[in-house]
Amino acid sequence: MMCQRERIRLGQAVGVAALAVVACLIAVGTAASSQKPIDMLKIATSGSLTSGTTQQKDEAAMDTLRDLIKDETGLKNEISKLKDWRELAEKMVKGEYHVGVFQGAEFAWAKEKYPELQPLALAVNVHRYPTVHVVSRHDGPARDFAALQGKSVAIPSSAPRFLRMFVEVQAKGSGKTPDQFFAKITTPDNFEDALDDAVDGNVDGAVADRAALESFKRRKPGRFRQLKEVVHSEPFPPVVISHFNNVIDAATLTRFRLGLLNAAKKERGETVLTLFRITNFEAPPADFEQVLVATRKLYSPSDSGNGK
């Protein structure tokens, strides 16, 4: 049995631990209360968030997203589109924006320069970490990416930027840009058209992400069997919703995070997210930093497809 002296010592230890916790809570509460609650949540992106082919479609989708954020979080918000990830990161650090939306590789580069940039949520399209797949007809001669040199390839106009990054780096292995590497690059409206063109022999290859390729397999299993993979990428980080330490108060940050994580659980939220090729938002997992590090090793800002 525990003696009186041991009970006293245990009580003292628990008391010290409790005081430490209380002190931490007071410190956190003081820090949070020192920040003025936000009346208007200012959000900025490093470019277009949609696959819309016209500015009108893009603006309409953004209006719908603003309404969704207001409904899910109760926060009035404005969304601005900046010229590139560098401008976005710099303005976030200066406190001009509360929340930033980066393409995955862009966030990897920005966080290396500004370590206090923090991921708030990941915008996932079926798979947490997307991959790029280059395919050709099953009976075609191509066995690797190099075999497509001087050939034609379809890259959808709606393709996320990381697809073009992967193609650019693959072509760079031969000392060429994609325009120099391929004889012709077509830009169909969507992934299904690109894959159909490869099946029909209209082009020698097509580029798609994993989610698009799996969708094509479900919709057209017979045509999918006529394709083969030529090469695929390492996992990319997905689109990242981020914030900069101490720019946004804790209460607003929590409301916004929970609103994002719950958005796909409601029918309207699911419909809106489809406009942006997002199935759901997720909290950053334990291996997220490792994926960022791997991405920085494989890709540099010069590979971003727009020279930024």
Protein backbone atom coordinates (compact mmCIF):
# COMPACT_ATOMS: atom_id res chain seq x y z
CA MET A 1 0.00 0.00 0.00
CA MET A 2 1.09 3.60 -0.64
CA CYS A 3 2.42 5.28 2.51
CA GLN A 4 1.42 8.79 3.58
CA ARG A 5 4.73 10.31 2.41
CA GLU A 6 4.34 8.74 -1.07
CA ARG A 7 0.78 10.06 -1.32
CA ILE A 8 2.01 13.54 -0.48
CA ARG A 9 4.79 13.33 -3.08
CA LEU A 10 2.34 12.05 -5.72
CA GLY A 11 -0.08 14.80 -4.86
CA GLN A 12 2.67 17.38 -5.21
CA ALA A 13 3.72 15.98 -8.60
CA VAL A 14 0.15 16.00 -9.89
CA GLY A 15 -0.28 19.49 -8.54
CA VAL A 16 2.81 20.74 -10.37
CA ALA A 17 1.67 19.08 -13.61
CA ALA A 18 -1.79 20.58 -13.25
CA LEU A 19 -0.34 24.02 -12.63
CA ALA A 20 1.84 23.63 -15.74
CA VAL A 21 -1.20 22.72 -17.87
CA VAL A 22 -3.18 25.64 -16.46
CA ALA A 23 -0.27 27.97 -17.17
CA CYS A 24 -0.12 26.74 -20.79
CA LEU A 25 -3.85 27.19 -21.23
CA ILE A 26 -3.66 30.70 -19.82
CA ALA A 27 -0.75 31.51 -22.16
CA VAL A 28 -2.64 30.15 -25.19
CA GLY A 29 -5.79 31.98 -24.17
CA THR A 30 -3.88 35.23 -23.73
CA ALA A 31 -2.21 34.87 -27.14
CA ALA A 32 -5.52 34.12 -28.83
CA SER A 33 -7.34 36.96 -27.06
CA SER A 34 -4.60 39.40 -28.13
CA GLN A 35 -5.63 38.85 -31.74
CA LYS A 36 -8.66 40.72 -32.94
CA PRO A 37 -11.38 38.44 -34.38
CA ILE A 38 -11.58 38.62 -38.16
CA ASP A 39 -14.59 40.31 -39.76
CA MET A 40 -13.59 39.40 -43.31
CA LEU A 41 -11.52 36.30 -44.06
CA LYS A 42 -9.04 37.22 -46.80
CA ILE A 43 -8.09 34.25 -48.97
CA ALA A 44 -5.67 34.25 -51.90
CA THR A 45 -4.66 31.61 -54.43
CA SER A 46 -1.53 31.20 -56.54
CA GLY A 47 -3.64 30.91 -59.69
CA SER A 48 -6.92 29.49 -60.92
CA LEU A 49 -8.52 26.82 -58.75
CA THR A 50 -10.83 25.48 -61.41
CA SER A 51 -10.54 23.67 -64.71
CA GLY A 52 -12.88 26.20 -66.28
CA THR A 53 -11.85 27.19 -69.79
CA THR A 54 -13.21 30.74 -69.54
CA GLN A 55 -12.80 33.55 -67.05
CA GLN A 56 -16.57 33.71 -66.68
CA LYS A 57 -16.75 30.05 -65.59
CA ASP A 58 -13.83 30.56 -63.22
CA GLU A 59 -15.45 33.60 -61.57
CA ALA A 60 -18.79 31.81 -61.24
CA ALA A 61 -17.11 28.88 -59.52
CA MET A 62 -15.28 31.22 -57.14
CA ASP A 63 -18.56 32.94 -56.22
CA THR A 64 -20.02 29.55 -55.40
CA LEU A 65 -16.99 28.72 -53.24
CA ARG A 66 -17.33 31.99 -51.31
CA ASP A 67 -20.95 31.12 -50.53
CA LEU A 68 -19.97 27.63 -49.39
CA ILE A 69 -17.30 28.99 -47.03
CA LYS A 70 -19.81 31.48 -45.61
CA ASP A 71 -22.42 28.73 -45.09
CA GLU A 72 -19.99 26.26 -43.51
CA THR A 73 -18.04 28.66 -41.27
CA GLY A 74 -20.25 31.71 -40.86
CA LEU A 75 -17.33 33.83 -42.06
CA LYS A 76 -17.59 36.51 -44.70
CA ASN A 77 -14.74 36.04 -47.13
CA GLU A 78 -13.08 37.34 -50.24
CA ILE A 79 -10.90 35.31 -52.59
CA SER A 80 -8.16 36.89 -54.69
CA LYS A 81 -6.14 35.26 -57.48
CA LEU A 82 -2.47 36.29 -57.43
CA LYS A 83 0.07 35.91 -60.20
CA ASP A 84 2.17 33.13 -58.62
CA TRP A 85 3.14 31.29 -55.43
CA ARG A 86 5.95 33.69 -54.57
CA GLU A 87 3.62 36.68 -54.43
CA LEU A 88 1.14 34.65 -52.39
CA ALA A 89 3.76 33.59 -49.83
CA GLU A 90 5.17 37.10 -49.48
CA LYS A 91 1.76 38.68 -48.94
CA MET A 92 0.81 36.03 -46.39
CA VAL A 93 3.99 36.68 -44.43
CA LYS A 94 3.15 40.39 -44.41
CA GLY A 95 -0.32 39.61 -43.04
CA GLU A 96 -2.16 40.81 -46.14
CA TYR A 97 -4.01 37.50 -46.43
CA HIS A 98 -5.22 35.13 -43.71
CA VAL A 99 -5.37 31.97 -45.82
CA GLY A 100 -3.42 30.90 -48.90
CA VAL A 101 -4.17 28.17 -51.43
CA PHE A 102 -1.06 26.66 -53.03
CA GLN A 103 -0.54 23.90 -55.54
CA GLY A 104 1.25 21.11 -53.67
CA ALA A 105 4.72 21.60 -55.12
CA GLU A 106 4.39 25.36 -54.70
CA PHE A 107 3.72 24.90 -50.99
CA ALA A 108 6.83 22.72 -50.72
CA TRP A 109 8.94 25.54 -52.18
CA ALA A 110 7.22 28.29 -50.17
CA LYS A 111 7.57 26.45 -46.87
CA GLU A 112 11.28 25.96 -47.44
CA LYS A 113 11.65 29.74 -47.71
CA TYR A 114 9.09 30.58 -45.00
CA PRO A 115 9.06 27.76 -42.39
CA GLU A 116 6.25 29.42 -40.43
CA LEU A 117 3.81 28.71 -43.25
CA GLN A 118 1.57 25.95 -41.92
CA PRO A 119 -0.75 23.51 -43.74
CA LEU A 120 -4.31 23.84 -42.52
CA ALA A 121 -5.93 21.21 -44.75
CA LEU A 122 -5.26 19.25 -47.93
CA ALA A 123 -7.65 19.42 -50.88
CA VAL A 124 -7.87 15.80 -52.00
CA ASN A 125 -9.16 14.39 -55.28
CA VAL A 126 -9.88 10.71 -54.50
CA HIS A 127 -6.27 9.95 -53.54
CA ARG A 128 -4.42 11.99 -50.93
CA TYR A 129 -1.23 12.12 -52.99
CA PRO A 130 -1.86 12.30 -56.76
CA THR A 131 0.40 10.67 -59.31
CA VAL A 132 0.88 11.35 -63.02
CA HIS A 133 0.59 8.57 -65.60
CA VAL A 134 1.68 8.66 -69.23
CA VAL A 135 -0.08 6.00 -71.31
CA SER A 136 -0.13 4.80 -74.91
CA ARG A 137 -1.95 2.14 -76.92
CA HIS A 138 -1.25 -1.36 -75.64
CA ASP A 139 0.00 -2.48 -79.05
CA GLY A 140 2.17 0.62 -79.52
CA PRO A 141 5.98 0.51 -79.57
CA ALA A 142 6.60 2.93 -76.67
CA ARG A 143 8.11 1.24 -73.62
CA ASP A 144 9.34 4.33 -71.78
CA PHE A 145 9.07 8.10 -71.93
CA ALA A 146 12.13 8.45 -74.17
CA ALA A 147 10.37 6.35 -76.82
CA LEU A 148 7.73 9.10 -77.18
CA GLN A 149 10.30 11.61 -78.45
CA GLY A 150 9.18 12.98 -81.80
CA LYS A 151 5.67 11.59 -81.23
CA SER A 152 2.35 13.23 -80.36
CA VAL A 153 0.79 13.44 -76.91
CA ALA A 154 -2.49 14.69 -75.46
CA ILE A 155 -2.41 16.82 -72.29
CA PRO A 156 -5.88 18.13 -71.33
CA SER A 157 -6.27 21.89 -71.08
CA SER A 158 -7.94 21.26 -67.70
CA ALA A 159 -4.97 19.27 -66.34
CA PRO A 160 -3.56 20.36 -62.95
CA ARG A 161 -0.16 22.04 -63.10
CA PHE A 162 1.69 19.08 -61.61
CA LEU A 163 0.99 17.02 -64.75
CA ARG A 164 2.83 19.54 -66.89
CA MET A 165 5.62 19.71 -64.31
CA PHE A 166 6.17 15.98 -64.55
CA VAL A 167 6.20 16.05 -68.35
CA GLU A 168 8.58 19.01 -68.33
CA VAL A 169 11.06 17.24 -66.04
CA GLN A 170 10.86 14.04 -68.09
CA ALA A 171 11.57 15.97 -71.30
CA LYS A 172 14.38 17.85 -69.58
CA GLY A 173 16.14 14.49 -69.16
CA SER A 174 16.73 14.64 -72.91
CA GLY A 175 17.81 18.27 -72.72
CA LYS A 176 14.60 19.52 -74.31
CA THR A 177 11.40 21.35 -73.45
CA PRO A 178 8.11 19.47 -73.99
CA ASP A 179 7.48 21.47 -77.20
CA GLN A 180 10.89 20.37 -78.50
CA PHE A 181 10.56 16.79 -77.26
CA PHE A 182 7.16 16.04 -78.79
CA ALA A 183 6.28 16.53 -82.43
CA LYS A 184 2.82 17.67 -81.36
CA ILE A 185 0.97 18.38 -78.09
CA THR A 186 -2.82 18.45 -78.28
CA THR A 187 -4.99 19.97 -75.55
CA PRO A 188 -8.42 18.32 -75.44
CA ASP A 189 -10.96 19.69 -72.97
CA ASN A 190 -10.78 16.83 -70.49
CA PHE A 191 -8.99 13.63 -69.50
CA GLU A 192 -11.52 11.29 -71.07
CA ASP A 193 -11.10 12.91 -74.48
CA ALA A 194 -7.31 12.70 -74.13
CA LEU A 195 -7.43 9.00 -73.26
CA ASP A 196 -9.94 8.29 -76.04
CA ASP A 197 -7.60 9.97 -78.51
CA ALA A 198 -4.78 7.66 -77.39
CA VAL A 199 -7.01 4.58 -77.76
CA ASP A 200 -8.15 5.69 -81.23
CA GLY A 201 -4.57 6.33 -82.36
CA ASN A 202 -5.13 10.05 -82.87
CA VAL A 203 -2.09 10.65 -80.64
CA ASP A 204 0.77 8.40 -79.57
CA GLY A 205 0.32 9.04 -75.86
CA ALA A 206 -1.82 10.75 -73.24
CA VAL A 207 -1.16 12.19 -69.79
CA ALA A 208 -3.58 11.77 -66.89
CA ASP A 209 -3.57 11.65 -63.13
CA ARG A 210 -4.45 8.51 -61.20
CA ALA A 211 -8.00 9.61 -60.37
CA ALA A 212 -8.78 10.38 -64.02
CA LEU A 213 -7.29 7.09 -65.20
CA GLU A 214 -9.36 5.12 -62.68
CA SER A 215 -12.50 6.99 -63.73
CA PHE A 216 -11.82 6.08 -67.37
CA LYS A 217 -11.37 2.44 -66.35
CA ARG A 218 -14.77 2.41 -64.60
CA ARG A 219 -16.59 4.17 -67.41
CA LYS A 220 -14.93 2.44 -70.37
CA PRO A 221 -13.28 -0.79 -69.20
CA GLY A 222 -12.92 -2.18 -72.74
CA ARG A 223 -11.15 0.89 -74.03
CA PHE A 224 -9.03 1.10 -70.88
CA ARG A 225 -7.67 -2.39 -71.61
CA GLN A 226 -6.31 -1.07 -74.90
CA LEU A 227 -3.95 1.23 -73.00
CA LYS A 228 -0.65 0.56 -71.23
CA GLU A 229 1.37 2.67 -68.84
CA VAL A 230 4.61 4.11 -70.17
CA VAL A 231 5.77 5.87 -67.01
CA HIS A 232 4.35 7.27 -63.77
CA SER A 233 5.47 9.86 -61.26
CA GLU A 234 6.28 9.78 -57.58
CA PRO A 235 3.45 11.02 -55.32
CA PHE A 236 2.83 14.77 -55.42
CA PRO A 237 1.45 16.77 -52.49
CA PRO A 238 -2.12 17.89 -53.27
CA VAL A 239 -3.45 21.44 -53.17
CA VAL A 240 -2.70 22.90 -49.73
CA ILE A 241 -4.86 25.32 -47.73
CA SER A 242 -2.38 27.17 -45.51
CA HIS A 243 -1.94 29.95 -42.98
CA PHE A 244 0.98 31.88 -41.53
CA ASN A 245 1.59 31.66 -37.79
CA ASN A 246 -0.15 34.34 -35.69
CA VAL A 247 -1.83 36.10 -38.62
CA ILE A 248 -5.24 34.60 -37.88
CA ASP A 249 -6.78 34.20 -34.44
CA ALA A 250 -7.18 30.68 -33.02
CA ALA A 251 -10.99 30.73 -32.91
CA THR A 252 -11.35 31.76 -36.57
CA LEU A 253 -8.69 29.25 -37.59
CA THR A 254 -10.59 26.43 -35.87
CA ARG A 255 -13.93 27.45 -37.42
CA PHE A 256 -12.40 27.56 -40.89
CA ARG A 257 -10.61 24.21 -40.49
CA LEU A 258 -13.72 22.42 -39.24
CA GLY A 259 -15.78 23.96 -42.03
CA LEU A 260 -13.36 22.59 -44.62
CA LEU A 261 -13.17 19.11 -43.08
CA ASN A 262 -16.97 18.84 -42.92
CA ALA A 263 -17.77 20.37 -46.33
CA ALA A 264 -17.86 17.09 -48.29
CA LYS A 265 -20.22 15.49 -45.78
CA LYS A 266 -23.09 17.62 -47.07
CA GLU A 267 -24.70 17.32 -50.49
CA ARG A 268 -24.23 20.98 -51.43
CA GLY A 269 -20.63 20.96 -50.29
CA GLU A 270 -19.90 17.84 -52.30
CA THR A 271 -21.42 19.43 -55.40
CA VAL A 272 -19.39 22.61 -55.05
CA LEU A 273 -16.12 20.76 -54.47
CA THR A 274 -16.64 18.83 -57.70
CA LEU A 275 -16.19 22.11 -59.59
CA PHE A 276 -12.64 22.20 -58.27
CA ARG A 277 -11.88 18.48 -58.76
CA ILE A 278 -11.90 17.97 -54.99
CA THR A 279 -13.61 15.05 -53.27
CA ASN A 280 -12.84 16.12 -49.70
CA PHE A 281 -10.50 18.02 -47.39
CA GLU A 282 -8.17 16.20 -45.01
CA ALA A 283 -5.96 17.18 -42.10
CA PRO A 284 -2.25 16.92 -43.04
CA PRO A 285 -1.06 13.36 -42.20
CA ALA A 286 2.14 12.36 -40.42
CA ASP A 287 4.07 11.74 -43.64
CA PHE A 288 3.16 15.06 -45.27
CA GLU A 289 6.50 16.71 -44.52
CA GLN A 290 8.33 13.75 -46.09
CA VAL A 291 6.36 14.20 -49.31
CA LEU A 292 7.23 17.90 -49.36
CA VAL A 293 10.94 17.10 -48.95
CA ALA A 294 10.82 14.49 -51.74
CA THR A 295 9.03 16.95 -54.04
CA ARG A 296 11.67 19.62 -53.48
CA LYS A 297 14.38 17.12 -54.40
CA LEU A 298 12.68 16.14 -57.66
CA TYR A 299 11.27 19.50 -58.78
CA SER A 300 12.40 23.10 -58.63
CA PRO A 301 10.42 26.32 -59.23
CA SER A 302 11.85 26.42 -62.75
CA ASP A 303 9.87 23.23 -63.46
CA SER A 304 6.52 24.84 -62.60
CA GLY A 305 5.39 25.06 -66.19
CA ASN A 306 5.04 28.86 -66.15
CA GLY A 307 8.60 29.92 -65.56
CA LYS A 308 7.87 31.31 -62.11
